[in-house]
N, C-alpha and C. Protein backbone atom coordinates (compact mmCIF):
# COMPACT_ATOMS: atom_id res chain seq x y z
N MET A 1 -42.70 -52.47 65.99
CA MET A 1 -42.17 -51.06 66.12
C MET A 1 -43.32 -50.31 65.75
N SER A 2 -44.19 -50.70 65.32
CA SER A 2 -45.51 -49.70 65.17
C SER A 2 -46.43 -50.44 66.03
N GLU A 3 -46.42 -49.78 67.27
CA GLU A 3 -47.04 -50.03 68.35
C GLU A 3 -47.96 -48.75 68.46
N ILE A 4 -49.24 -48.47 68.58
CA ILE A 4 -50.12 -47.61 68.84
C ILE A 4 -50.63 -47.73 70.20
N ILE A 5 -49.99 -46.60 71.04
CA ILE A 5 -50.60 -46.40 72.40
C ILE A 5 -51.77 -45.61 72.49
N GLN A 6 -52.57 -46.49 72.79
CA GLN A 6 -54.23 -45.90 73.21
C GLN A 6 -54.49 -45.06 74.56
N ALA A 7 -54.71 -44.13 75.19
CA ALA A 7 -55.22 -43.40 76.34
C ALA A 7 -56.33 -43.92 76.32
N GLU A 8 -56.72 -43.87 77.31
CA GLU A 8 -58.23 -44.37 77.37
C GLU A 8 -58.74 -42.80 78.23
N ALA A 9 -60.14 -42.78 77.81
CA ALA A 9 -60.47 -41.74 78.19
C ALA A 9 -61.00 -41.49 79.10
N LEU A 10 -60.77 -40.19 79.96
CA LEU A 10 -61.15 -39.81 81.39
C LEU A 10 -62.98 -39.93 81.30
N LYS A 11 -63.28 -40.43 82.17
CA LYS A 11 -65.06 -40.59 82.37
C LYS A 11 -65.55 -39.64 83.40
N ILE A 12 -66.43 -38.95 83.16
CA ILE A 12 -66.64 -37.80 84.22
C ILE A 12 -67.48 -38.53 85.30
N SER A 13 -67.44 -38.70 86.04
CA SER A 13 -68.13 -39.98 87.50
C SER A 13 -69.41 -38.92 87.49
N GLN A 14 -69.33 -37.62 88.11
CA GLN A 14 -70.18 -36.64 88.83
C GLN A 14 -70.38 -35.41 87.42
N PRO A 15 -71.12 -35.83 86.33
CA PRO A 15 -71.08 -34.20 85.63
C PRO A 15 -71.56 -33.05 86.10
N VAL A 16 -72.90 -33.51 87.44
CA VAL A 16 -73.40 -31.98 88.01
C VAL A 16 -72.77 -31.39 88.71
N SER A 17 -72.13 -32.29 89.49
CA SER A 17 -71.07 -31.74 90.47
C SER A 17 -69.66 -31.32 89.72
N LEU A 18 -69.52 -31.71 88.72
CA LEU A 18 -68.54 -31.18 88.10
C LEU A 18 -68.77 -29.72 87.59
N LEU A 19 -69.86 -29.74 87.47
CA LEU A 19 -70.34 -28.56 86.63
C LEU A 19 -70.18 -26.84 87.48
N LEU A 20 -70.81 -27.74 88.82
CA LEU A 20 -70.98 -26.55 89.81
C LEU A 20 -69.56 -26.26 90.56
N ALA A 21 -68.66 -27.44 90.82
CA ALA A 21 -67.49 -26.66 91.15
C ALA A 21 -66.88 -25.75 89.91
N LEU A 22 -67.09 -26.31 88.76
CA LEU A 22 -66.47 -25.51 87.66
C LEU A 22 -66.98 -24.14 88.14
N ARG A 23 -68.06 -23.89 87.74
CA ARG A 23 -69.17 -22.28 88.23
C ARG A 23 -68.76 -21.98 89.24
N LEU A 24 -68.51 -22.23 90.92
CA LEU A 24 -68.23 -21.95 92.27
C LEU A 24 -66.89 -21.18 92.18
N SER A 25 -66.03 -21.99 91.63
CA SER A 25 -64.63 -21.73 91.50
C SER A 25 -64.35 -20.49 90.50
N SER A 26 -65.13 -20.61 89.58
CA SER A 26 -64.85 -19.13 88.55
C SER A 26 -65.18 -18.10 89.25
N VAL A 27 -66.39 -18.50 89.90
CA VAL A 27 -66.84 -16.86 90.42
C VAL A 27 -66.41 -16.61 91.82
N ALA A 28 -65.53 -17.74 92.60
CA ALA A 28 -65.02 -17.09 93.90
C ALA A 28 -63.49 -16.74 93.11
N PHE A 29 -63.01 -17.23 92.29
CA PHE A 29 -61.57 -16.64 91.95
C PHE A 29 -61.79 -14.90 90.78
N ALA A 30 -62.85 -15.06 90.61
CA ALA A 30 -63.03 -13.76 89.58
C ALA A 30 -63.31 -12.55 90.87
N LEU A 31 -63.86 -13.40 91.97
CA LEU A 31 -64.31 -12.17 93.11
C LEU A 31 -63.49 -11.66 93.96
N MET A 32 -62.32 -12.84 93.86
CA MET A 32 -61.03 -12.49 94.86
C MET A 32 -60.22 -11.56 94.15
N GLY A 33 -59.84 -11.79 92.40
CA GLY A 33 -59.26 -11.00 91.95
C GLY A 33 -59.49 -9.40 91.83
N ILE A 34 -61.10 -9.22 92.14
CA ILE A 34 -61.78 -7.95 92.23
C ILE A 34 -60.97 -7.70 93.40
N LEU A 35 -61.10 -8.45 94.82
CA LEU A 35 -61.04 -7.83 95.88
C LEU A 35 -59.74 -7.24 95.81
N VAL A 36 -58.56 -8.26 95.65
CA VAL A 36 -57.09 -7.53 95.20
C VAL A 36 -57.23 -6.60 94.58
N SER A 37 -57.51 -6.63 93.52
CA SER A 37 -57.67 -5.14 92.47
C SER A 37 -58.21 -3.85 93.16
N VAL A 38 -59.18 -4.15 93.99
CA VAL A 38 -59.72 -2.59 94.60
C VAL A 38 -58.85 -1.57 95.07
N GLY A 39 -58.12 -1.78 96.00
CA GLY A 39 -57.22 -1.34 96.81
C GLY A 39 -55.62 -0.29 95.88
N VAL A 40 -56.23 -0.81 94.51
CA VAL A 40 -54.53 -0.59 93.64
C VAL A 40 -54.90 0.57 92.28
N ARG A 41 -53.91 1.49 91.97
CA ARG A 41 -54.41 2.62 90.97
C ARG A 41 -54.23 1.98 89.72
N GLU A 42 -53.10 1.15 89.47
CA GLU A 42 -52.63 0.72 88.17
C GLU A 42 -52.65 -0.77 88.30
N ILE A 43 -52.77 -0.87 86.61
CA ILE A 43 -53.05 -2.47 86.47
C ILE A 43 -51.90 -3.42 86.92
N PHE A 44 -51.05 -2.59 86.11
CA PHE A 44 -49.30 -3.47 86.88
C PHE A 44 -49.68 -3.91 88.60
N GLU A 45 -49.91 -2.96 89.46
CA GLU A 45 -50.01 -3.41 90.84
C GLU A 45 -50.74 -4.09 91.01
N ALA A 46 -51.96 -4.31 90.44
CA ALA A 46 -53.13 -5.67 90.53
C ALA A 46 -52.18 -6.77 90.18
N MET A 47 -51.98 -7.06 89.18
CA MET A 47 -51.50 -7.95 88.78
C MET A 47 -50.01 -8.33 89.74
N THR A 48 -49.39 -7.29 90.19
CA THR A 48 -48.41 -7.79 91.23
C THR A 48 -48.78 -8.45 92.41
N MET A 49 -50.17 -7.73 92.89
CA MET A 49 -50.50 -8.34 93.99
C MET A 49 -51.19 -9.33 93.93
N ALA A 50 -52.08 -9.70 92.62
CA ALA A 50 -52.57 -11.24 92.59
C ALA A 50 -51.53 -12.28 92.75
N ASN A 51 -50.22 -12.15 91.95
CA ASN A 51 -49.35 -12.82 91.97
C ASN A 51 -48.90 -13.14 93.50
N PHE A 52 -48.93 -12.19 94.43
CA PHE A 52 -48.57 -12.66 95.70
C PHE A 52 -49.57 -13.31 96.54
N PHE A 53 -50.66 -13.87 95.98
CA PHE A 53 -51.51 -14.47 96.86
C PHE A 53 -52.07 -15.88 96.17
N LEU A 54 -51.50 -15.37 94.40
CA LEU A 54 -52.12 -16.77 93.36
C LEU A 54 -50.46 -17.98 93.62
N PHE A 55 -49.52 -17.45 93.88
CA PHE A 55 -48.23 -17.91 93.56
C PHE A 55 -48.28 -19.15 94.65
N PRO A 56 -48.46 -18.71 96.36
CA PRO A 56 -48.31 -19.69 97.06
C PRO A 56 -49.45 -20.37 97.34
N MET A 57 -50.56 -19.54 96.72
CA MET A 57 -52.14 -20.74 96.72
C MET A 57 -51.69 -22.26 96.07
N VAL A 58 -51.26 -21.82 95.01
CA VAL A 58 -50.93 -23.28 94.12
C VAL A 58 -50.54 -24.33 94.47
N PHE A 59 -49.31 -23.42 95.57
CA PHE A 59 -47.99 -24.95 96.32
C PHE A 59 -49.05 -25.33 97.39
N LEU A 60 -49.75 -24.60 98.23
CA LEU A 60 -50.47 -25.09 99.54
C LEU A 60 -51.52 -25.55 99.21
N CYS A 61 -52.06 -25.69 97.96
CA CYS A 61 -53.56 -26.10 98.06
C CYS A 61 -54.05 -27.65 97.44
N GLY A 62 -52.78 -28.54 97.30
CA GLY A 62 -53.37 -29.57 96.71
C GLY A 62 -53.11 -29.64 95.12
N VAL A 63 -52.63 -28.98 94.34
CA VAL A 63 -52.43 -28.98 93.19
C VAL A 63 -51.45 -29.65 92.49
N PHE A 64 -50.18 -29.77 92.95
CA PHE A 64 -49.11 -30.75 92.70
C PHE A 64 -48.81 -31.73 93.52
N PHE A 65 -49.25 -31.68 94.59
CA PHE A 65 -48.95 -32.50 95.81
C PHE A 65 -49.90 -32.45 97.00
N PRO A 66 -50.66 -33.86 97.47
CA PRO A 66 -51.45 -33.60 98.17
C PRO A 66 -51.03 -33.03 99.56
N VAL A 67 -52.48 -32.34 99.97
CA VAL A 67 -52.43 -31.48 101.08
C VAL A 67 -51.89 -32.33 102.43
N THR A 68 -52.48 -33.74 102.33
CA THR A 68 -51.92 -34.49 103.42
C THR A 68 -50.61 -35.19 103.75
N ALA A 69 -49.83 -34.64 102.75
CA ALA A 69 -48.63 -34.75 102.74
C ALA A 69 -47.66 -33.52 103.15
N MET A 70 -48.47 -32.15 103.30
CA MET A 70 -47.79 -31.23 103.97
C MET A 70 -47.54 -31.15 105.48
N PRO A 71 -46.89 -30.45 106.12
CA PRO A 71 -46.56 -30.41 107.57
C PRO A 71 -48.04 -29.73 108.16
N VAL A 72 -48.21 -29.93 109.16
CA VAL A 72 -49.42 -29.74 109.78
C VAL A 72 -49.84 -28.22 109.53
N VAL A 73 -48.91 -27.39 109.75
CA VAL A 73 -48.99 -25.75 109.83
C VAL A 73 -49.56 -25.47 108.45
N LEU A 74 -48.61 -26.01 107.55
CA LEU A 74 -49.20 -25.50 106.02
C LEU A 74 -50.77 -26.36 105.77
N GLN A 75 -51.03 -27.34 106.37
CA GLN A 75 -52.53 -27.90 106.02
C GLN A 75 -53.11 -26.77 106.54
N ALA A 76 -53.19 -26.42 107.78
CA ALA A 76 -53.58 -25.43 108.34
C ALA A 76 -54.38 -24.36 107.34
N VAL A 77 -53.26 -23.63 106.95
CA VAL A 77 -53.11 -22.64 105.88
C VAL A 77 -53.63 -22.50 104.35
N GLY A 78 -53.78 -24.37 104.04
CA GLY A 78 -54.14 -24.78 103.07
C GLY A 78 -55.58 -24.62 102.97
N PHE A 79 -56.13 -25.07 104.24
CA PHE A 79 -57.57 -25.11 104.39
C PHE A 79 -58.49 -23.60 104.42
N LEU A 80 -57.39 -22.42 104.70
CA LEU A 80 -57.93 -21.24 104.58
C LEU A 80 -58.18 -20.85 102.93
N LEU A 81 -57.83 -21.69 102.19
CA LEU A 81 -57.73 -21.34 100.93
C LEU A 81 -58.87 -21.79 99.60
N PRO A 82 -59.36 -21.55 99.28
CA PRO A 82 -60.95 -21.73 98.38
C PRO A 82 -59.99 -22.94 97.14
N LEU A 83 -58.84 -22.49 96.80
CA LEU A 83 -58.42 -23.38 95.80
C LEU A 83 -58.36 -24.98 96.35
N THR A 84 -57.69 -25.33 97.85
CA THR A 84 -57.78 -26.66 98.17
C THR A 84 -59.28 -27.02 97.74
N TYR A 85 -60.09 -26.43 98.38
CA TYR A 85 -61.78 -27.28 98.12
C TYR A 85 -62.15 -27.15 96.46
N SER A 86 -61.81 -26.12 95.28
CA SER A 86 -61.63 -26.42 94.22
C SER A 86 -61.15 -28.00 93.47
N VAL A 87 -59.75 -27.98 93.94
CA VAL A 87 -59.18 -29.30 93.66
C VAL A 87 -59.46 -30.32 94.02
N ASP A 88 -60.44 -30.59 95.21
CA ASP A 88 -60.63 -31.82 95.69
C ASP A 88 -61.99 -31.88 94.90
N ALA A 89 -63.07 -30.99 95.07
CA ALA A 89 -63.94 -31.21 94.30
C ALA A 89 -64.17 -31.54 93.31
N LEU A 90 -62.86 -30.92 92.39
CA LEU A 90 -62.57 -31.23 90.65
C LEU A 90 -62.36 -32.68 90.65
N ARG A 91 -61.63 -32.89 91.79
CA ARG A 91 -60.46 -34.45 91.53
C ARG A 91 -61.83 -35.33 91.97
N GLN A 92 -62.87 -35.02 92.92
CA GLN A 92 -63.84 -36.35 93.14
C GLN A 92 -64.87 -36.09 92.08
N SER A 93 -65.37 -35.41 91.48
CA SER A 93 -66.09 -35.19 90.23
C SER A 93 -65.69 -35.94 88.72
N LEU A 94 -64.18 -36.00 88.73
CA LEU A 94 -63.71 -36.64 87.81
C LEU A 94 -63.32 -37.96 87.99
N LEU A 95 -62.73 -38.46 89.01
CA LEU A 95 -62.40 -39.83 89.67
C LEU A 95 -63.35 -40.21 90.38
N SER A 96 -64.23 -39.90 91.09
CA SER A 96 -65.24 -40.23 91.84
C SER A 96 -64.40 -41.00 93.19
N SER A 97 -63.21 -41.13 93.39
CA SER A 97 -62.81 -41.96 94.51
C SER A 97 -61.70 -40.76 95.34
N GLY A 98 -61.24 -41.00 96.32
CA GLY A 98 -60.36 -40.13 97.06
C GLY A 98 -60.91 -38.63 97.95
N GLY A 99 -60.17 -37.91 97.82
CA GLY A 99 -60.58 -36.50 98.50
C GLY A 99 -60.40 -36.32 99.78
N LEU A 100 -60.33 -35.11 100.28
CA LEU A 100 -60.23 -34.65 101.71
C LEU A 100 -61.60 -35.01 102.58
N LEU A 101 -62.73 -34.27 101.60
CA LEU A 101 -64.01 -34.09 102.15
C LEU A 101 -64.91 -34.55 101.25
N HIS A 102 -66.00 -34.77 101.50
CA HIS A 102 -67.39 -35.12 101.00
C HIS A 102 -67.64 -33.95 99.77
N ARG A 103 -67.78 -34.62 98.63
CA ARG A 103 -67.61 -32.83 97.47
C ARG A 103 -68.72 -32.00 96.98
N TYR A 104 -69.89 -32.74 98.22
CA TYR A 104 -70.62 -31.73 98.27
C TYR A 104 -70.53 -31.13 99.51
N LEU A 105 -69.73 -31.52 100.59
CA LEU A 105 -69.11 -30.38 101.53
C LEU A 105 -68.02 -29.02 101.01
N ASP A 106 -67.14 -30.06 99.64
CA ASP A 106 -66.25 -29.22 99.11
C ASP A 106 -67.44 -27.87 98.27
N LEU A 107 -68.08 -28.15 97.52
CA LEU A 107 -69.24 -26.96 96.97
C LEU A 107 -69.93 -26.30 98.15
N LEU A 108 -70.13 -26.56 98.95
CA LEU A 108 -70.86 -25.91 99.89
C LEU A 108 -69.64 -24.66 100.77
N ILE A 109 -68.59 -25.37 101.04
CA ILE A 109 -67.60 -24.56 101.32
C ILE A 109 -67.12 -23.17 100.42
N LEU A 110 -67.36 -24.02 98.99
CA LEU A 110 -66.87 -23.09 97.79
C LEU A 110 -68.14 -22.02 97.73
N ALA A 111 -69.29 -21.98 98.27
CA ALA A 111 -70.27 -21.10 97.88
C ALA A 111 -70.13 -20.11 98.94
N GLY A 112 -69.73 -20.81 100.28
CA GLY A 112 -69.28 -19.84 101.28
C GLY A 112 -68.38 -18.58 101.17
N PHE A 113 -66.68 -19.00 100.07
CA PHE A 113 -66.25 -18.26 99.61
C PHE A 113 -66.80 -17.04 98.64
N THR A 114 -67.69 -17.83 97.94
CA THR A 114 -68.10 -16.86 96.66
C THR A 114 -68.69 -15.84 97.67
């Protein structure tokens, strides 16, 4: 009855690419937020516009389920968004397996978005 459940610690397999992916993702999404908010006058409008882009992006970029499980049309839309490459690079840096593209190609595409 007094069983202790031990969780296995997450081991970072590629710390350099993890830090680079975090940095590039942070800069890319900060700049995307600035780009969205440039054309509005009120802060409330900027938040509304950001949600207009953010909400669909979360569902189309492999955060909750793989991009490869989506229909081809939605996959094409997902590959146009930077979050797809962020998720893929972070997943590969932490787990060192799977992924849509090679993690350095993901980082290169993220640098292009930035």
